[in-house]
C-alpha atoms as a PDB file:
ATOM      1  CA  MET A   1       8.133 -47.945  85.431  1.00  0.00           C
ATOM      2  CA  SER A   2       7.594 -44.795  83.389  1.00  0.00           C
ATOM      3  CA  ALA A   3      10.208 -42.065  83.000  1.00  0.00           C
ATOM      4  CA  VAL A   4       9.964 -39.127  85.405  1.00  0.00           C
ATOM      5  CA  ILE A   5      12.851 -37.228  83.788  1.00  0.00           C
ATOM      6  CA  GLU A   6      12.951 -37.109  79.974  1.00  0.00           C
ATOM      7  CA  LEU A   7      15.275 -35.051  77.780  1.00  0.00           C
ATOM      8  CA  THR A   8      15.049 -35.168  73.999  1.00  0.00           C
ATOM      9  CA  GLY A   9      17.154 -33.189  71.537  1.00  0.00           C
ATOM     10  CA  VAL A  10      18.270 -30.716  74.206  1.00  0.00           C
ATOM     11  CA  ARG A  11      20.824 -28.041  73.310  1.00  0.00           C
ATOM     12  CA  PHE A  12      22.081 -25.435  75.762  1.00  0.00           C
ATOM     13  CA  ARG A  13      25.003 -23.123  75.094  1.00  0.00           C
ATOM     14  CA  HIS A  14      27.191 -20.986  77.348  1.00  0.00           C
ATOM     15  CA  ALA A  15      28.657 -18.290  75.115  1.00  0.00           C
ATOM     16  CA  GLY A  16      31.728 -17.792  77.321  1.00  0.00           C
ATOM     17  CA  GLY A  17      32.564 -14.741  79.355  1.00  0.00           C
ATOM     18  CA  ALA A  18      34.925 -11.796  79.477  1.00  0.00           C
ATOM     19  CA  ASP A  19      36.488 -13.396  82.559  1.00  0.00           C
ATOM     20  CA  GLY A  20      37.818 -16.198  80.390  1.00  0.00           C
ATOM     21  CA  THR A  21      35.009 -18.658  81.028  1.00  0.00           C
ATOM     22  CA  PRO A  22      35.115 -20.981  78.011  1.00  0.00           C
ATOM     23  CA  ALA A  23      32.242 -21.399  75.616  1.00  0.00           C
ATOM     24  CA  PHE A  24      30.393 -24.620  76.266  1.00  0.00           C
ATOM     25  CA  GLU A  25      27.639 -26.512  74.530  1.00  0.00           C
ATOM     26  CA  LEU A  26      25.466 -29.177  76.118  1.00  0.00           C
ATOM     27  CA  ASN A  27      23.868 -31.570  73.651  1.00  0.00           C
ATOM     28  CA  ILE A  28      21.658 -34.415  74.813  1.00  0.00           C
ATOM     29  CA  ASP A  29      19.955 -36.489  72.147  1.00  0.00           C
ATOM     30  CA  GLU A  30      18.039 -38.612  74.624  1.00  0.00           C
ATOM     31  CA  LEU A  31      18.124 -39.178  78.374  1.00  0.00           C
ATOM     32  CA  SER A  32      15.560 -40.605  80.770  1.00  0.00           C
ATOM     33  CA  VAL A  33      15.387 -41.582  84.429  1.00  0.00           C
ATOM     34  CA  ARG A  34      12.522 -43.776  85.567  1.00  0.00           C
ATOM     35  CA  ALA A  35      10.463 -43.571  88.729  1.00  0.00           C
ATOM     36  CA  GLY A  36      12.399 -45.347  91.467  1.00  0.00           C
ATOM     37  CA  GLU A  37      15.667 -45.252  89.506  1.00  0.00           C
ATOM     38  CA  VAL A  38      18.874 -43.893  91.052  1.00  0.00           C
ATOM     39  CA  ALA A  39      21.261 -42.545  88.410  1.00  0.00           C
ATOM     40  CA  ALA A  40      24.759 -41.123  88.834  1.00  0.00           C
ATOM     41  CA  CYS A  41      26.184 -38.526  86.482  1.00  0.00           C
ATOM     42  CA  ILE A  42      29.973 -38.495  86.138  1.00  0.00           C
ATOM     43  CA  GLY A  43      32.524 -36.436  84.276  1.00  0.00           C
ATOM     44  CA  PRO A  44      35.339 -33.976  84.979  1.00  0.00           C
ATOM     45  CA  SER A  45      34.735 -30.413  86.140  1.00  0.00           C
ATOM     46  CA  GLY A  46      33.397 -28.362  83.254  1.00  0.00           C
ATOM     47  CA  SER A  47      31.808 -31.331  81.502  1.00  0.00           C
ATOM     48  CA  GLY A  48      28.254 -30.029  82.024  1.00  0.00           C
ATOM     49  CA  LYS A  49      26.946 -31.962  85.032  1.00  0.00           C
ATOM     50  CA  THR A  50      25.668 -28.897  86.893  1.00  0.00           C
ATOM     51  CA  THR A  51      24.396 -27.334  83.657  1.00  0.00           C
ATOM     52  CA  MET A  52      22.337 -30.433  82.906  1.00  0.00           C
ATOM     53  CA  LEU A  53      20.832 -30.487  86.408  1.00  0.00           C
ATOM     54  CA  ASP A  54      19.923 -26.794  86.083  1.00  0.00           C
ATOM     55  CA  VAL A  55      18.264 -27.446  82.711  1.00  0.00           C
ATOM     56  CA  ILE A  56      16.220 -30.296  84.194  1.00  0.00           C
ATOM     57  CA  ALA A  57      15.218 -28.123  87.163  1.00  0.00           C
ATOM     58  CA  GLY A  58      14.145 -25.290  84.865  1.00  0.00           C
ATOM     59  CA  ILE A  59      16.770 -22.892  86.208  1.00  0.00           C
ATOM     60  CA  ASN A  60      18.364 -22.790  82.753  1.00  0.00           C
ATOM     61  CA  HIS A  61      16.183 -22.897  79.639  1.00  0.00           C
ATOM     62  CA  PRO A  62      17.539 -24.788  76.605  1.00  0.00           C
ATOM     63  CA  GLU A  63      17.742 -23.225  73.166  1.00  0.00           C
ATOM     64  CA  SER A  64      16.001 -26.260  71.689  1.00  0.00           C
ATOM     65  CA  GLY A  65      14.669 -29.651  72.633  1.00  0.00           C
ATOM     66  CA  CYS A  66      12.194 -30.966  75.161  1.00  0.00           C
ATOM     67  CA  VAL A  67      12.590 -31.402  78.925  1.00  0.00           C
ATOM     68  CA  VAL A  68       9.786 -33.235  80.748  1.00  0.00           C
ATOM     69  CA  VAL A  69       9.872 -33.454  84.555  1.00  0.00           C
ATOM     70  CA  ALA A  70       7.187 -35.388  86.447  1.00  0.00           C
ATOM     71  CA  GLY A  71       4.880 -35.041  83.462  1.00  0.00           C
ATOM     72  CA  HIS A  72       5.452 -31.290  83.026  1.00  0.00           C
ATOM     73  CA  ASP A  73       6.986 -29.948  79.802  1.00  0.00           C
ATOM     74  CA  MET A  74       9.499 -27.513  81.258  1.00  0.00           C
ATOM     75  CA  THR A  75      10.392 -26.086  77.852  1.00  0.00           C
ATOM     76  CA  GLY A  76       6.791 -25.012  77.352  1.00  0.00           C
ATOM     77  CA  LEU A  77       6.582 -23.093  80.638  1.00  0.00           C
ATOM     78  CA  ASP A  78       7.566 -19.541  81.521  1.00  0.00           C
ATOM     79  CA  LEU A  79       9.846 -18.725  84.459  1.00  0.00           C
ATOM     80  CA  ALA A  80       6.984 -18.740  86.970  1.00  0.00           C
ATOM     81  CA  GLY A  81       5.669 -22.045  85.673  1.00  0.00           C
ATOM     82  CA  ARG A  82       9.076 -23.711  85.905  1.00  0.00           C
ATOM     83  CA  ARG A  83       9.491 -22.382  89.443  1.00  0.00           C
ATOM     84  CA  TRP A  84       6.079 -23.822  90.383  1.00  0.00           C
ATOM     85  CA  VAL A  85       7.094 -27.284  89.123  1.00  0.00           C
ATOM     86  CA  ARG A  86      10.486 -27.043  90.813  1.00  0.00           C
ATOM     87  CA  LEU A  87       8.994 -26.239  94.235  1.00  0.00           C
ATOM     88  CA  ARG A  88       6.300 -28.909  94.072  1.00  0.00           C
ATOM     89  CA  GLU A  89       7.973 -31.780  92.249  1.00  0.00           C
ATOM     90  CA  VAL A  90      11.756 -31.394  92.578  1.00  0.00           C
ATOM     91  CA  GLY A  91      14.160 -31.691  95.493  1.00  0.00           C
ATOM     92  CA  LEU A  92      17.444 -29.876  94.841  1.00  0.00           C
ATOM     93  CA  VAL A  93      20.820 -30.122  96.527  1.00  0.00           C
ATOM     94  CA  PHE A  94      22.919 -27.315  95.083  1.00  0.00           C
ATOM     95  CA  GLN A  95      26.706 -27.534  95.001  1.00  0.00           C
ATOM     96  CA  THR A  96      26.733 -24.144  96.734  1.00  0.00           C
ATOM     97  CA  LEU A  97      24.095 -25.463  99.212  1.00  0.00           C
ATOM     98  CA  ALA A  98      22.155 -22.129  98.967  1.00  0.00           C
ATOM     99  CA  LEU A  99      21.144 -21.946 102.615  1.00  0.00           C
ATOM    100  CA  VAL A 100      19.499 -18.761 103.879  1.00  0.00           C
ATOM    101  CA  GLU A 101      21.868 -17.339 106.465  1.00  0.00           C
ATOM    102  CA  TYR A 102      19.276 -15.546 108.606  1.00  0.00           C
ATOM    103  CA  LEU A 103      17.115 -18.672 109.013  1.00  0.00           C
ATOM    104  CA  SER A 104      17.723 -21.496 111.467  1.00  0.00           C
ATOM    105  CA  ALA A 105      18.654 -24.957 110.226  1.00  0.00           C
ATOM    106  CA  PHE A 106      15.076 -26.094 110.865  1.00  0.00           C
ATOM    107  CA  GLU A 107      13.636 -23.152 108.915  1.00  0.00           C
ATOM    108  CA  ASN A 108      16.050 -23.837 106.062  1.00  0.00           C
ATOM    109  CA  ILE A 109      14.847 -27.439 105.886  1.00  0.00           C
ATOM    110  CA  LEU A 110      11.237 -26.216 105.731  1.00  0.00           C
ATOM    111  CA  LEU A 111      12.033 -23.412 103.257  1.00  0.00           C
ATOM    112  CA  PRO A 112       9.961 -24.873 100.362  1.00  0.00           C
ATOM    113  CA  TYR A 113       6.865 -24.536 102.541  1.00  0.00           C
ATOM    114  CA  PHE A 114       7.588 -20.864 103.248  1.00  0.00           C
ATOM    115  CA  VAL A 115       8.066 -19.895  99.582  1.00  0.00           C
ATOM    116  CA  GLU A 116       5.225 -21.993  98.085  1.00  0.00           C
ATOM    117  CA  PRO A 117       1.904 -21.320  99.860  1.00  0.00           C
ATOM    118  CA  ALA A 118       0.264 -24.283  98.120  1.00  0.00           C
ATOM    119  CA  LEU A 119       2.523 -26.659 100.045  1.00  0.00           C
ATOM    120  CA  ASN A 120       0.866 -27.587 103.327  1.00  0.00           C
ATOM    121  CA  ARG A 121       3.242 -26.872 106.222  1.00  0.00           C
ATOM    122  CA  ASP A 122       1.357 -29.010 108.712  1.00  0.00           C
ATOM    123  CA  ARG A 123       2.395 -31.284 111.576  1.00  0.00           C
ATOM    124  CA  LYS A 124       3.239 -34.041 109.106  1.00  0.00           C
ATOM    125  CA  ALA A 125       5.704 -31.757 107.294  1.00  0.00           C
ATOM    126  CA  THR A 126       7.428 -30.587 110.481  1.00  0.00           C
ATOM    127  CA  ASP A 127       7.607 -34.137 111.810  1.00  0.00           C
ATOM    128  CA  ARG A 128       9.217 -35.271 108.550  1.00  0.00           C
ATOM    129  CA  ALA A 129      11.742 -32.420 108.775  1.00  0.00           C
ATOM    130  CA  ARG A 130      12.724 -33.502 112.289  1.00  0.00           C
ATOM    131  CA  MET A 131      12.893 -37.159 111.282  1.00  0.00           C
ATOM    132  CA  LEU A 132      15.232 -36.404 108.368  1.00  0.00           C
ATOM    133  CA  ALA A 133      17.406 -34.230 110.609  1.00  0.00           C
ATOM    134  CA  ASP A 134      17.662 -37.037 113.149  1.00  0.00           C
ATOM    135  CA  GLN A 135      18.554 -39.545 110.441  1.00  0.00           C
ATOM    136  CA  LEU A 136      21.414 -37.320 109.283  1.00  0.00           C
ATOM    137  CA  GLU A 137      22.492 -36.604 112.865  1.00  0.00           C
ATOM    138  CA  ILE A 138      21.712 -32.883 112.943  1.00  0.00           C
ATOM    139  CA  GLY A 139      18.560 -33.038 115.064  1.00  0.00           C
ATOM    140  CA  HIS A 140      20.374 -31.294 117.932  1.00  0.00           C
ATOM    141  CA  LEU A 141      21.437 -28.426 115.641  1.00  0.00           C
ATOM    142  CA  LEU A 142      18.061 -27.292 114.330  1.00  0.00           C
ATOM    143  CA  LYS A 143      18.050 -23.960 116.190  1.00  0.00           C
ATOM    144  CA  ARG A 144      21.451 -22.923 114.843  1.00  0.00           C
ATOM    145  CA  ARG A 145      21.897 -20.620 111.887  1.00  0.00           C
ATOM    146  CA  PRO A 146      24.170 -21.753 109.038  1.00  0.00           C
ATOM    147  CA  LYS A 147      27.135 -19.650 110.178  1.00  0.00           C
ATOM    148  CA  ARG A 148      27.281 -21.768 113.346  1.00  0.00           C
ATOM    149  CA  LEU A 149      27.376 -25.043 111.405  1.00  0.00           C
ATOM    150  CA  SER A 150      30.322 -26.846 109.876  1.00  0.00           C
ATOM    151  CA  GLN A 151      30.368 -27.333 106.099  1.00  0.00           C
ATOM    152  CA  GLY A 152      29.352 -30.965 106.510  1.00  0.00           C
ATOM    153  CA  GLU A 153      26.458 -29.982 108.792  1.00  0.00           C
ATOM    154  CA  ARG A 154      25.351 -27.340 106.304  1.00  0.00           C
ATOM    155  CA  GLN A 155      25.419 -29.969 103.567  1.00  0.00           C
ATOM    156  CA  ARG A 156      23.182 -32.257 105.600  1.00  0.00           C
ATOM    157  CA  VAL A 157      20.699 -29.397 106.147  1.00  0.00           C
ATOM    158  CA  ALA A 158      20.556 -28.913 102.363  1.00  0.00           C
ATOM    159  CA  ILE A 159      19.931 -32.629 101.841  1.00  0.00           C
ATOM    160  CA  CYS A 160      17.101 -32.632 104.377  1.00  0.00           C
ATOM    161  CA  ARG A 161      15.545 -29.631 102.600  1.00  0.00           C
ATOM    162  CA  ALA A 162      15.651 -31.506  99.282  1.00  0.00           C
ATOM    163  CA  LEU A 163      13.885 -34.518 100.799  1.00  0.00           C
ATOM    164  CA  VAL A 164      11.346 -32.814 103.061  1.00  0.00           C
ATOM    165  CA  THR A 165       8.541 -32.455 100.490  1.00  0.00           C
ATOM    166  CA  ALA A 166       8.921 -36.104  99.342  1.00  0.00           C
ATOM    167  CA  PRO A 167       9.499 -34.907  95.751  1.00  0.00           C
ATOM    168  CA  ARG A 168       9.087 -37.050  92.649  1.00  0.00           C
ATOM    169  CA  VAL A 169      12.490 -35.911  91.367  1.00  0.00           C
ATOM    170  CA  LEU A 170      15.741 -35.482  93.316  1.00  0.00           C
ATOM    171  CA  LEU A 171      18.592 -33.578  91.655  1.00  0.00           C
ATOM    172  CA  CYS A 172      21.794 -33.609  93.663  1.00  0.00           C
ATOM    173  CA  ASP A 173      25.028 -31.820  92.785  1.00  0.00           C
ATOM    174  CA  GLU A 174      27.923 -33.420  94.706  1.00  0.00           C
ATOM    175  CA  PRO A 175      25.786 -33.955  97.843  1.00  0.00           C
ATOM    176  CA  THR A 176      28.392 -36.026  99.705  1.00  0.00           C
ATOM    177  CA  GLY A 177      31.489 -33.951  98.949  1.00  0.00           C
ATOM    178  CA  ASN A 178      31.988 -32.646 102.502  1.00  0.00           C
ATOM    179  CA  LEU A 179      30.857 -35.717 104.434  1.00  0.00           C
ATOM    180  CA  ASP A 180      32.917 -38.322 106.226  1.00  0.00           C
ATOM    181  CA  PRO A 181      32.610 -41.938 104.965  1.00  0.00           C
ATOM    182  CA  ALA A 182      29.973 -43.026 107.499  1.00  0.00           C
ATOM    183  CA  ARG A 183      27.715 -39.998 106.879  1.00  0.00           C
ATOM    184  CA  LYS A 184      28.303 -40.273 103.138  1.00  0.00           C
ATOM    185  CA  ASP A 185      26.945 -43.823 103.228  1.00  0.00           C
ATOM    186  CA  ARG A 186      23.935 -42.736 105.313  1.00  0.00           C
ATOM    187  CA  THR A 187      23.163 -39.953 102.860  1.00  0.00           C
ATOM    188  CA  ILE A 188      23.230 -42.356  99.924  1.00  0.00           C
ATOM    189  CA  ASP A 189      21.004 -44.714 101.924  1.00  0.00           C
ATOM    190  CA  LEU A 190      18.460 -41.892 102.327  1.00  0.00           C
ATOM    191  CA  LEU A 191      18.492 -41.127  98.601  1.00  0.00           C
ATOM    192  CA  LEU A 192      18.029 -44.804  97.752  1.00  0.00           C
ATOM    193  CA  GLU A 193      15.230 -45.068 100.292  1.00  0.00           C
ATOM    194  CA  ALA A 194      13.509 -41.984  98.852  1.00  0.00           C
ATOM    195  CA  ALA A 195      13.671 -43.398  95.355  1.00  0.00           C
ATOM    196  CA  ARG A 196      12.359 -46.815  96.221  1.00  0.00           C
ATOM    197  CA  SER A 197       9.736 -45.912  98.818  1.00  0.00           C
ATOM    198  CA  SER A 198       8.124 -43.011  96.953  1.00  0.00           C
ATOM    199  CA  GLU A 199       9.216 -43.968  93.410  1.00  0.00           C
ATOM    200  CA  ALA A 200      11.223 -40.774  93.031  1.00  0.00           C
ATOM    201  CA  ALA A 201      13.759 -40.448  90.230  1.00  0.00           C
ATOM    202  CA  VAL A 202      17.209 -39.543  91.574  1.00  0.00           C
ATOM    203  CA  LEU A 203      19.941 -37.983  89.427  1.00  0.00           C
ATOM    204  CA  MET A 204      23.172 -37.219  91.264  1.00  0.00           C
ATOM    205  CA  ALA A 205      26.310 -35.563  89.909  1.00  0.00           C
ATOM    206  CA  THR A 206      29.382 -36.955  91.620  1.00  0.00           C
ATOM    207  CA  HIS A 207      33.147 -37.224  91.362  1.00  0.00           C
ATOM    208  CA  ASP A 208      33.182 -40.066  93.882  1.00  0.00           C
ATOM    209  CA  HIS A 209      33.461 -43.212  91.775  1.00  0.00           C
ATOM    210  CA  SER A 210      33.466 -45.396  94.904  1.00  0.00           C
ATOM    211  CA  LEU A 211      29.697 -44.733  95.108  1.00  0.00           C
ATOM    212  CA  LEU A 212      28.880 -45.920  91.593  1.00  0.00           C
ATOM    213  CA  PRO A 213      28.161 -49.596  92.399  1.00  0.00           C
ATOM    214  CA  ARG A 214      25.198 -48.429  94.466  1.00  0.00           C
ATOM    215  CA  PHE A 215      23.480 -46.747  91.501  1.00  0.00           C
ATOM    216  CA  ASP A 216      21.153 -48.352  88.973  1.00  0.00           C
ATOM    217  CA  THR A 217      22.574 -46.303  86.106  1.00  0.00           C
ATOM    218  CA  VAL A 218      25.763 -44.351  85.453  1.00  0.00           C
ATOM    219  CA  ILE A 219      25.638 -41.511  82.903  1.00  0.00           C
ATOM    220  CA  ASP A 220      28.985 -40.336  81.511  1.00  0.00           C
ATOM    221  CA  MET A 221      28.876 -36.699  80.416  1.00  0.00           C
ATOM    222  CA  ALA A 222      31.521 -37.442  77.798  1.00  0.00           C
ATOM    223  CA  SER A 223      28.826 -39.150  75.767  1.00  0.00           C
ATOM    224  CA  LEU A 224      26.309 -36.309  76.199  1.00  0.00           C
ATOM    225  CA  SER A 225      28.111 -32.981  75.808  1.00  0.00           C
ATOM    226  CA  ARG A 226      30.913 -31.286  73.966  1.00  0.00           C
ATOM    227  CA  SER A 227      32.816 -28.025  74.097  1.00  0.00           C
ATOM    228  CA  ALA A 228      31.734 -25.475  71.541  1.00  0.00           C
ATOM    229  CA  SER A 229      34.268 -24.842  68.798  1.00  0.00           C
END
């Protein structure tokens, strides 16, 4: 199958901050994830996992190189263009979860349809949202706002939101960190199912090495990035 995520000669640099944040440089000579492939990204905190996911999603723009996502050259697009690709083609699970506190769990799951008018929020979309919620055992919580959910429940809402549009690319930053073992396994099952049923490319940053046997590919950040000198 063809690559859905392709990075070539990518360089992104954090200059470091007055708060003591260290300078950091992400260098990726070549990286690809095929349609239907489930890849794990490992490495210690600060190794660039989240930075790489943000570059792929078009949240961060590299200084040089090429980033192609679902056939779109992200490095050739402006901010609005990258946002358009992200909403239509990419499902994101942020480490911070990024739920909207004044929306219900159900509205948070359907958020991509509210912010991108071109997405069709029809009966099929709402039925899929409810199905995903039921699969992750939060179907009875859909009317609650995030402040009335546990951290694990909030995490499952974020995962449902990433899957609801059936995206071609899934980028997940520690999506199972607050889940118990049974729900962690169910979440991974959903990601695997998404990849193989709709030929999505899944790239997941994780510290949980017990999950690695379930992935097709394991990417070690130590071979992709280095601290700036």
